[in-house]
Amino acid sequence: MFIGRERERKALENLYRSDKFEFAVIYGRRRVGKSALINQFIGNRKAIYFMGVESNEKQNLENFSKSILEYSNGIETESTFPSFQAALEYVFRLAEKERLILAMDEYPYVARSSKSLASTLQLLIDKYHQSSKLMLILCGSSMSYMEDQVLAYKAPLYGRRTAQMKIMPFDFGEVCRYFGYMPGEDKALLYGIVGGTPQYLLQMDSEKTVEENIKDTFLNPVSFLYEEPINLLKQEVREPSVYTAIIAAIAGGASRMSEISTKVGEETSVCTAYLKNLVSLGIVQRETPYGETASRKTIYAIEDNMFRFWYRFVLGNNSLIARGATDLVYKRIEPHLSEYMGKVFEEICKQFLWRQLLNGECPVEFSSLGRWWGTDPSAKCQVEIDIMGEQDKDTALFGECKWTNEKVDLNILETLIRRSRLFHYKDTHLYLFSKSGFTKACMDTGAKMGNVTLVEYKDMVSS
């Protein structure tokens, strides 16, 4: 079942229907579903699909030639074009007669093995873009390569593309659609465990409980996910051991640069460079209090749920898992799942607010959402606000998210009211999000105030 990606599919359809030369660049992290999107779009259309391999130029040229000649002759052949330029020129000429899609998947592998490929493509695009009906798609998982060597101003192909798409993991709404009729709470837990990366979602079985899914994947030495973070880092970076130490430090509670560098045993300047790469890969996120840019308040958190779960619960239990102590390890994990889900629930609530905004149902027309932390002068202590979003200098919303088995009581609302008054907005709207509902006192007070919205999780989750 192919779900989601409606916006990307519509954009590709529009490009295809133009019936003129189009050049789309598609990129994103590994496992995020780029190839599935391309193949879903191609369907039964006339297309040449070629996936590069991490090999030399000769091997890639042979594979590319086979894909082209199989399309044009309808049979497999051992013939090979003398060069990428000859092969590509043949395709451009084919597309002068009919609409044709050429999708080059894992383009960075091919371009690295053939240093002149980008310049060759530039030459042929300039030569044929007026006469050819080719729809060219270049796709890559190495985001740094695609951004620096394809999209960047100094890249040979700069200015030739007619569209670009950065493919992101699914949001929670799309994950709910994937898991169909699973219990609502289980959908949130599985989203918290593997995030929205399609390849990871495929490892989850909607017919099983959350416990069974965790045991069958993360706690199973032969499963796809058991060593996935390490394997992924090995493909993306040169020194995976240092990256692993940094991610493990963050998973263990270190959030500030000084804490991370101390735990890892590396200079701050070294950790800064590694963290920058992890942020660009979408594994780690850099945060400052909402509305502030002060670097001294910057903290780091693991953005990717699968990495966050693995480094929190799997890495430290590797020896037990390898010995088959699955039940014992799960008993260690289970008591911490509710606390672990706190940050996940905050993200689910943010996505809910974005949907409300886009549907014209949010009382505050914010332009961004974030978390805020700072000092409460009256209480003389550090406080946090889970969600904050500003419309203008007079209007903002504040939100608190509680993933607990107890109903949210009036004291939580009163705390949010106090913290919202640390700011000087004339109009504020308060949101309380709860996994388990609200007490009567909280509901009555919220109703009287008029600027409070109470949202229970069961009303947020889609079936």
Protein backbone atom coordinates (compact mmCIF):
# COMPACT_ATOMS: atom_id res chain seq x y z
CA MET A 1 0.00 0.00 0.00
CA PHE A 2 1.40 3.38 -1.03
CA ILE A 3 0.32 6.20 1.28
CA GLY A 4 1.12 9.89 1.58
CA ARG A 5 3.33 12.05 -0.62
CA GLU A 6 0.26 13.63 -2.24
CA ARG A 7 1.97 16.98 -2.69
CA GLU A 8 5.08 15.45 -4.28
CA ARG A 9 3.03 13.18 -6.53
CA LYS A 10 0.90 16.10 -7.70
CA ALA A 11 4.04 18.14 -8.45
CA LEU A 12 5.53 15.29 -10.50
CA GLU A 13 2.23 14.86 -12.37
CA ASN A 14 2.20 18.56 -13.25
CA LEU A 15 5.78 18.37 -14.53
CA TYR A 16 4.93 15.33 -16.63
CA ARG A 17 1.86 16.96 -18.18
CA SER A 18 3.85 19.99 -19.34
CA ASP A 19 5.11 17.80 -22.23
CA LYS A 20 8.35 19.79 -22.40
CA PHE A 21 11.80 19.24 -20.93
CA GLU A 22 11.64 19.01 -17.14
CA PHE A 23 14.41 18.35 -14.64
CA ALA A 24 13.44 17.38 -11.08
CA VAL A 25 15.91 16.86 -8.24
CA ILE A 26 14.68 14.53 -5.49
CA TYR A 27 16.74 14.01 -2.36
CA GLY A 28 16.38 12.98 1.26
CA ARG A 29 17.70 10.62 3.90
CA ARG A 30 18.09 6.91 3.24
CA ARG A 31 14.99 4.75 3.87
CA VAL A 32 12.66 7.74 3.53
CA GLY A 33 10.87 6.40 0.44
CA LYS A 34 12.37 8.33 -2.50
CA SER A 35 12.64 5.29 -4.78
CA ALA A 36 9.12 4.17 -3.87
CA LEU A 37 7.81 7.64 -4.78
CA ILE A 38 9.59 7.59 -8.15
CA ASN A 39 8.41 4.09 -9.02
CA GLN A 40 4.85 4.89 -7.96
CA PHE A 41 4.93 7.96 -10.21
CA ILE A 42 6.43 6.08 -13.18
CA GLY A 43 3.83 3.33 -13.03
CA ASN A 44 3.17 2.16 -16.60
CA ARG A 45 4.54 5.30 -18.25
CA LYS A 46 7.35 5.18 -20.76
CA ALA A 47 10.41 5.41 -18.56
CA ILE A 48 14.01 4.38 -18.09
CA TYR A 49 14.80 3.71 -14.45
CA PHE A 50 18.44 3.31 -13.47
CA MET A 51 19.91 2.96 -10.00
CA GLY A 52 23.58 3.80 -9.52
CA VAL A 53 25.80 1.49 -7.52
CA GLU A 54 28.81 2.23 -5.36
CA SER A 55 31.27 0.96 -7.95
CA ASN A 56 33.45 2.31 -10.76
CA GLU A 57 32.46 4.18 -13.91
CA LYS A 58 32.63 1.06 -16.11
CA GLN A 59 30.13 -0.87 -13.98
CA ASN A 60 27.68 2.03 -13.78
CA LEU A 61 27.92 2.69 -17.51
CA GLU A 62 27.23 -0.98 -18.26
CA ASN A 63 24.18 -0.96 -15.99
CA PHE A 64 22.93 2.33 -17.45
CA SER A 65 23.38 1.04 -20.99
CA LYS A 66 21.44 -2.11 -20.16
CA SER A 67 18.53 -0.05 -18.78
CA ILE A 68 18.42 2.15 -21.91
CA LEU A 69 18.72 -0.65 -24.46
CA GLU A 70 16.21 -2.84 -22.65
CA TYR A 71 13.73 0.05 -22.90
CA SER A 72 14.40 0.84 -26.56
CA ASN A 73 14.76 -2.76 -27.83
CA GLY A 74 12.52 -4.54 -25.37
CA ILE A 75 15.19 -7.17 -24.72
CA GLU A 76 18.22 -7.53 -22.47
CA THR A 77 21.55 -7.03 -24.21
CA GLU A 78 25.22 -7.05 -23.37
CA SER A 79 25.92 -3.99 -25.53
CA THR A 80 27.36 -0.92 -23.81
CA PHE A 81 27.53 2.70 -24.90
CA PRO A 82 31.11 3.99 -25.27
CA SER A 83 30.50 6.79 -22.75
CA PHE A 84 27.87 8.39 -20.51
CA GLN A 85 27.67 11.23 -23.00
CA ALA A 86 26.76 8.83 -25.83
CA ALA A 87 24.21 7.04 -23.62
CA LEU A 88 22.56 10.24 -22.42
CA GLU A 89 22.52 11.79 -25.90
CA TYR A 90 20.72 8.69 -27.14
CA VAL A 91 18.05 9.18 -24.44
CA PHE A 92 17.63 12.89 -25.19
CA ARG A 93 17.11 12.03 -28.87
CA LEU A 94 14.58 9.31 -28.02
CA ALA A 95 12.63 11.94 -26.09
CA GLU A 96 12.42 14.24 -29.13
CA LYS A 97 9.76 11.88 -30.51
CA GLU A 98 7.78 11.06 -27.35
CA ARG A 99 7.38 11.90 -23.68
CA LEU A 100 9.98 9.89 -21.79
CA ILE A 101 11.05 9.75 -18.15
CA LEU A 102 14.69 9.13 -17.23
CA ALA A 103 15.10 8.50 -13.50
CA MET A 104 18.69 8.20 -12.26
CA ASP A 105 18.42 6.93 -8.69
CA GLU A 106 21.39 7.17 -6.31
CA TYR A 107 22.91 9.72 -8.66
CA PRO A 108 25.82 10.54 -6.28
CA TYR A 109 27.25 7.02 -6.73
CA VAL A 110 27.32 7.50 -10.50
CA ALA A 111 28.63 11.07 -10.42
CA ARG A 112 31.43 10.23 -8.01
CA SER A 113 32.61 7.41 -10.28
CA SER A 114 32.31 9.56 -13.40
CA LYS A 115 33.71 13.00 -12.60
CA SER A 116 32.54 14.56 -15.87
CA LEU A 117 28.92 13.37 -15.61
CA ALA A 118 27.52 16.63 -14.21
CA SER A 119 29.21 18.68 -16.92
CA THR A 120 27.98 16.22 -19.56
CA LEU A 121 24.41 16.59 -18.31
CA GLN A 122 24.80 20.38 -18.32
CA LEU A 123 25.99 20.26 -21.94
CA LEU A 124 23.15 18.02 -23.12
CA ILE A 125 20.43 19.90 -21.23
CA ASP A 126 21.59 23.14 -22.83
CA LYS A 127 21.69 21.46 -26.23
CA TYR A 128 18.33 19.64 -26.14
CA HIS A 129 16.08 21.40 -23.63
CA GLN A 130 14.17 23.18 -26.39
CA SER A 131 13.57 20.12 -28.56
CA SER A 132 13.43 17.22 -26.08
CA LYS A 133 10.36 16.03 -24.16
CA LEU A 134 12.54 14.31 -21.59
CA MET A 135 11.54 14.38 -17.94
CA LEU A 136 14.83 13.93 -16.11
CA ILE A 137 14.83 12.92 -12.44
CA LEU A 138 18.03 12.86 -10.42
CA CYS A 139 17.62 11.26 -7.02
CA GLY A 140 20.11 10.87 -4.17
CA SER A 141 20.39 9.87 -0.52
CA SER A 142 23.60 11.77 0.16
CA MET A 143 22.00 15.08 1.09
CA SER A 144 25.30 16.93 1.36
CA TYR A 145 26.27 15.80 -2.16
CA MET A 146 22.91 16.69 -3.67
CA GLU A 147 22.90 20.11 -2.00
CA ASP A 148 26.55 20.93 -2.78
CA GLN A 149 27.05 19.28 -6.17
CA VAL A 150 23.60 19.51 -7.77
CA LEU A 151 21.64 22.35 -6.16
CA ALA A 152 24.40 24.77 -5.13
CA TYR A 153 25.19 27.94 -7.08
CA LYS A 154 28.66 26.73 -8.13
CA ALA A 155 27.44 23.28 -9.27
CA PRO A 156 27.43 22.63 -13.06
CA LEU A 157 23.71 21.80 -12.99
CA TYR A 158 22.70 24.95 -11.14
CA GLY A 159 19.88 26.79 -12.88
CA ARG A 160 18.88 23.80 -15.03
CA ARG A 161 16.40 22.14 -12.66
CA THR A 162 12.72 22.96 -12.95
CA ALA A 163 11.77 21.42 -9.58
CA GLN A 164 13.36 20.12 -6.41
CA MET A 165 11.90 18.01 -3.63
CA LYS A 166 13.41 17.23 -0.25
CA ILE A 167 11.59 14.09 0.88
CA MET A 168 10.93 14.09 4.62
CA PRO A 169 9.71 11.32 6.94
CA PHE A 170 5.95 10.93 7.33
CA ASP A 171 4.17 13.02 9.91
CA PHE A 172 2.02 11.41 12.59
CA GLY A 173 -1.18 11.72 10.55
CA GLU A 174 0.34 9.68 7.71
CA VAL A 175 1.67 7.11 10.21
CA CYS A 176 -1.89 6.74 11.55
CA ARG A 177 -3.11 6.03 8.02
CA TYR A 178 -0.40 3.39 7.61
CA PHE A 179 -1.31 1.56 10.82
CA GLY A 180 -5.02 1.61 9.99
CA TYR A 181 -7.16 0.19 12.79
CA MET A 182 -4.51 -0.24 15.48
CA PRO A 183 -5.48 1.19 18.90
CA GLY A 184 -4.79 4.94 19.01
CA GLU A 185 -2.27 4.76 21.83
CA ASP A 186 -0.30 2.05 20.01
CA LYS A 187 -0.04 4.30 16.94
CA ALA A 188 1.60 7.00 19.03
CA LEU A 189 3.96 4.51 20.68
CA LEU A 190 5.08 3.04 17.36
CA TYR A 191 5.55 6.56 15.96
CA GLY A 192 7.69 7.29 19.02
CA ILE A 193 9.74 4.16 18.44
CA VAL A 194 10.42 4.31 14.69
CA GLY A 195 9.29 7.81 13.64
CA GLY A 196 7.93 8.44 10.17
CA THR A 197 10.60 6.76 8.03
CA PRO A 198 8.72 4.37 5.70
CA GLN A 199 11.35 1.62 5.72
CA TYR A 200 11.21 1.49 9.51
CA LEU A 201 7.41 1.52 9.57
CA LEU A 202 7.49 -1.54 7.31
CA GLN A 203 9.28 -3.45 10.09
CA MET A 204 6.30 -2.93 12.41
CA ASP A 205 3.41 -5.42 12.35
CA SER A 206 0.00 -3.82 12.95
CA GLU A 207 -1.36 -7.21 14.03
CA LYS A 208 1.03 -7.33 17.00
CA THR A 209 1.22 -5.43 20.26
CA VAL A 210 3.80 -2.69 20.86
CA GLU A 211 5.68 -5.05 23.19
CA GLU A 212 5.80 -7.76 20.52
CA ASN A 213 6.99 -5.27 17.89
CA ILE A 214 9.79 -4.00 20.11
CA LYS A 215 10.90 -7.53 20.96
CA ASP A 216 10.77 -8.70 17.33
CA THR A 217 12.79 -5.78 15.98
CA PHE A 218 14.99 -3.79 18.34
CA LEU A 219 15.56 -6.69 20.74
CA ASN A 220 16.16 -9.28 18.03
CA PRO A 221 19.82 -9.61 16.86
CA VAL A 222 18.80 -10.82 13.38
CA SER A 223 16.26 -8.06 12.66
CA PHE A 224 16.70 -5.18 10.22
CA LEU A 225 16.49 -2.51 12.95
CA TYR A 226 18.82 -4.12 15.48
CA GLU A 227 21.97 -2.44 14.09
CA GLU A 228 20.33 0.07 11.74
CA PRO A 229 21.66 3.31 13.35
CA ILE A 230 25.25 2.07 13.22
CA ASN A 231 24.87 0.78 9.66
CA LEU A 232 23.32 4.07 8.56
CA LEU A 233 26.11 6.12 10.12
CA LYS A 234 28.73 3.95 8.41
CA GLN A 235 27.15 4.84 5.06
CA GLU A 236 26.87 8.56 5.78
CA VAL A 237 29.98 9.56 7.76
CA ARG A 238 33.67 8.77 7.96
CA GLU A 239 34.06 8.29 11.72
CA PRO A 240 30.90 6.58 12.94
CA SER A 241 32.39 5.80 16.36
CA VAL A 242 32.68 9.50 17.26
CA TYR A 243 29.17 10.21 15.97
CA THR A 244 27.85 7.29 18.01
CA ALA A 245 29.51 8.67 21.14
CA ILE A 246 27.91 12.08 20.56
CA ILE A 247 24.43 10.67 19.93
CA ALA A 248 24.76 8.38 22.98
CA ALA A 249 25.75 11.38 25.11
CA ILE A 250 22.63 13.29 24.01
CA ALA A 251 20.43 10.21 24.55
CA GLY A 252 21.91 9.96 28.03
CA GLY A 253 20.79 13.46 28.96
CA ALA A 254 23.62 15.74 27.80
CA SER A 255 22.06 18.62 25.87
CA ARG A 256 24.48 21.56 26.01
CA MET A 257 27.68 21.66 24.00
CA SER A 258 29.88 21.67 27.11
CA GLU A 259 28.09 18.61 28.54
CA ILE A 260 28.32 16.72 25.26
CA SER A 261 32.03 17.43 24.73
CA THR A 262 32.80 16.41 28.34
CA LYS A 263 30.95 13.10 27.98
CA VAL A 264 32.51 12.34 24.61
CA GLY A 265 36.01 13.45 25.64
CA GLU A 266 36.52 15.70 22.62
CA GLU A 267 37.13 19.44 22.28
CA THR A 268 34.07 21.63 21.82
CA SER A 269 35.27 22.69 18.38
CA VAL A 270 35.43 19.04 17.29
CA CYS A 271 31.94 18.26 18.61
CA THR A 272 30.57 21.36 16.87
CA ALA A 273 31.59 20.03 13.45
CA TYR A 274 30.14 16.58 14.12
CA LEU A 275 26.89 18.01 15.47
CA LYS A 276 26.52 20.19 12.38
CA ASN A 277 26.63 17.04 10.23
CA LEU A 278 24.14 15.22 12.46
CA VAL A 279 21.75 18.17 12.21
CA SER A 280 22.05 18.20 8.40
CA LEU A 281 21.26 14.46 8.36
CA GLY A 282 18.08 15.05 10.38
CA ILE A 283 19.29 12.87 13.25
CA VAL A 284 19.90 15.67 15.79
CA GLN A 285 18.13 19.01 16.15
CA ARG A 286 19.54 22.26 17.46
CA GLU A 287 17.16 24.22 19.68
CA THR A 288 17.04 27.66 21.24
CA PRO A 289 14.17 29.03 23.35
CA TYR A 290 11.31 30.17 21.11
CA GLY A 291 11.94 33.67 19.81
CA GLU A 292 15.60 33.72 20.89
CA THR A 293 18.82 33.13 19.01
CA ALA A 294 21.34 33.37 21.86
CA SER A 295 23.94 30.65 21.33
CA ARG A 296 24.60 30.30 25.05
CA LYS A 297 21.11 28.86 25.45
CA THR A 298 21.44 26.41 22.56
CA ILE A 299 20.71 22.78 23.35
CA TYR A 300 20.76 19.62 21.25
CA ALA A 301 18.24 16.80 21.12
CA ILE A 302 17.82 13.66 19.01
CA GLU A 303 15.26 14.49 16.31
CA ASP A 304 14.87 11.07 14.69
CA ASN A 305 12.65 8.86 16.86
CA MET A 306 14.25 5.58 15.78
CA PHE A 307 17.73 6.87 16.69
CA ARG A 308 16.41 8.28 19.94
CA PHE A 309 14.80 4.97 20.97
CA TRP A 310 17.78 2.88 19.87
CA TYR A 311 20.39 4.97 21.67
CA ARG A 312 18.21 5.29 24.76
CA PHE A 313 17.24 1.65 25.19
CA VAL A 314 19.15 -0.69 22.85
CA LEU A 315 22.80 0.38 22.81
CA GLY A 316 23.34 -0.08 26.55
CA ASN A 317 21.60 -3.48 26.52
CA ASN A 318 23.44 -4.93 23.53
CA SER A 319 25.20 -7.66 25.48
CA LEU A 320 21.95 -8.91 27.01
CA ILE A 321 20.13 -8.78 23.68
CA ALA A 322 22.91 -10.76 21.99
CA ARG A 323 22.50 -13.44 24.66
CA GLY A 324 18.77 -13.69 24.01
CA ALA A 325 17.58 -11.98 27.20
CA THR A 326 14.69 -10.33 25.35
CA ASP A 327 12.16 -10.41 28.18
CA LEU A 328 14.64 -9.02 30.71
CA VAL A 329 15.58 -6.10 28.46
CA TYR A 330 11.93 -5.28 27.76
CA LYS A 331 11.24 -5.23 31.52
CA ARG A 332 13.98 -2.60 31.78
CA ILE A 333 12.46 -0.54 28.96
CA GLU A 334 8.75 -0.66 29.83
CA PRO A 335 8.78 1.52 32.99
CA HIS A 336 10.42 4.36 31.03
CA LEU A 337 8.17 4.36 27.97
CA SER A 338 5.67 6.89 29.32
CA GLU A 339 8.42 9.37 30.20
CA TYR A 340 10.11 8.70 26.84
CA MET A 341 6.84 9.50 25.05
CA GLY A 342 6.66 13.00 26.56
CA LYS A 343 8.79 14.59 23.85
CA VAL A 344 7.09 12.51 21.14
CA PHE A 345 3.68 13.70 22.31
CA GLU A 346 4.86 17.32 22.14
CA GLU A 347 5.71 16.79 18.47
CA ILE A 348 2.33 15.16 17.81
CA CYS A 349 0.63 18.16 19.43
CA LYS A 350 2.64 20.61 17.30
CA GLN A 351 1.57 18.75 14.17
CA PHE A 352 -2.05 18.95 15.37
CA LEU A 353 -1.75 22.73 15.73
CA TRP A 354 -0.24 23.05 12.23
CA ARG A 355 -3.19 21.09 10.82
CA GLN A 356 -5.57 23.38 12.67
CA LEU A 357 -3.83 26.44 11.27
CA LEU A 358 -3.89 25.13 7.69
CA ASN A 359 -7.59 24.26 8.08
CA GLY A 360 -8.40 27.75 9.39
CA GLU A 361 -9.38 26.38 12.80
CA CYS A 362 -6.64 27.84 15.01
CA PRO A 363 -7.47 31.04 16.95
CA VAL A 364 -3.84 32.19 16.64
CA GLU A 365 -2.28 32.48 13.18
CA PHE A 366 1.28 31.64 14.20
CA SER A 367 4.17 31.45 11.73
CA SER A 368 6.27 29.01 13.75
CA LEU A 369 6.08 26.81 16.84
CA GLY A 370 8.72 25.94 19.38
CA ARG A 371 9.60 25.22 22.96
CA TRP A 372 10.55 27.93 25.43
CA TRP A 373 12.63 27.76 28.58
CA GLY A 374 14.00 30.47 30.84
CA THR A 375 13.82 32.05 34.28
CA ASP A 376 10.62 32.84 36.17
CA PRO A 377 11.67 35.96 38.16
CA SER A 378 8.91 35.65 40.75
CA ALA A 379 9.60 31.98 41.49
CA LYS A 380 13.35 32.42 40.93
CA CYS A 381 13.62 29.14 39.07
CA GLN A 382 13.94 27.74 35.55
CA VAL A 383 10.66 26.92 33.82
CA GLU A 384 9.60 25.46 30.48
CA ILE A 385 6.67 25.89 28.11
CA ASP A 386 6.11 22.88 25.83
CA ILE A 387 4.69 24.81 22.88
CA MET A 388 4.69 28.49 22.00
CA GLY A 389 3.67 30.27 18.81
CA GLU A 390 3.43 33.97 18.06
CA GLN A 391 1.08 35.67 15.60
CA ASP A 392 2.37 39.21 16.20
CA LYS A 393 3.68 41.32 19.08
CA ASP A 394 0.23 41.28 20.70
CA THR A 395 -0.99 37.72 20.08
CA ALA A 396 0.40 34.26 20.93
CA LEU A 397 -0.54 30.75 21.97
CA PHE A 398 0.93 28.62 24.74
CA GLY A 399 0.57 24.86 25.11
CA GLU A 400 1.24 22.16 27.67
CA CYS A 401 1.35 18.45 26.75
CA LYS A 402 0.83 15.58 29.22
CA TRP A 403 1.33 11.93 28.24
CA THR A 404 0.25 10.33 31.53
CA ASN A 405 -2.45 7.95 32.71
CA GLU A 406 -3.90 10.60 35.04
CA LYS A 407 -6.37 13.25 33.96
CA VAL A 408 -4.92 16.75 33.68
CA ASP A 409 -6.04 18.76 36.71
CA LEU A 410 -6.61 22.48 37.27
CA ASN A 411 -3.11 23.01 38.67
CA ILE A 412 -1.60 22.30 35.21
CA LEU A 413 -3.80 24.97 33.64
CA GLU A 414 -2.95 27.44 36.43
CA THR A 415 0.77 26.81 35.87
CA LEU A 416 0.41 27.46 32.14
CA ILE A 417 -1.49 30.69 32.87
CA ARG A 418 1.34 31.91 35.14
CA ARG A 419 4.01 31.07 32.62
CA SER A 420 2.15 32.74 29.77
CA ARG A 421 2.23 35.94 31.84
CA LEU A 422 6.03 35.96 31.74
CA PHE A 423 5.43 37.51 28.31
CA HIS A 424 3.54 40.71 27.53
CA TYR A 425 0.99 39.69 24.92
CA LYS A 426 -2.42 41.34 25.05
CA ASP A 427 -4.20 38.31 23.57
CA THR A 428 -3.19 34.78 24.49
CA HIS A 429 -4.77 31.42 23.79
CA LEU A 430 -3.91 28.41 25.94
CA TYR A 431 -3.91 24.78 24.80
CA LEU A 432 -3.80 21.79 27.12
CA PHE A 433 -3.16 18.42 25.48
CA SER A 434 -3.78 15.24 27.46
CA LYS A 435 -3.44 11.54 26.82
CA SER A 436 -6.11 10.69 29.42
CA GLY A 437 -8.54 13.61 29.54
CA PHE A 438 -9.21 16.38 32.06
CA THR A 439 -10.74 16.75 35.50
CA LYS A 440 -14.06 18.56 35.91
CA ALA A 441 -12.36 21.47 37.68
CA CYS A 442 -9.97 21.92 34.74
CA MET A 443 -12.79 21.76 32.19
CA ASP A 444 -15.02 24.16 34.13
CA THR A 445 -12.26 26.75 34.56
CA GLY A 446 -11.20 26.47 30.94
CA ALA A 447 -14.78 26.99 29.79
CA LYS A 448 -15.17 30.09 31.98
CA MET A 449 -11.93 31.67 30.74
CA GLY A 450 -12.91 31.42 27.09
CA ASN A 451 -9.33 31.45 25.75
CA VAL A 452 -8.55 27.82 26.65
CA THR A 453 -8.73 24.78 24.38
CA LEU A 454 -8.58 21.31 25.94
CA VAL A 455 -7.57 18.54 23.53
CA GLU A 456 -7.69 14.86 24.41
CA TYR A 457 -5.40 12.51 22.50
CA LYS A 458 -8.25 10.28 21.27
CA ASP A 459 -9.65 13.31 19.43
CA MET A 460 -6.29 13.98 17.74
CA VAL A 461 -5.54 10.53 16.40
CA SER A 462 -6.93 9.55 13.00
CA SER A 463 -8.01 6.01 12.23
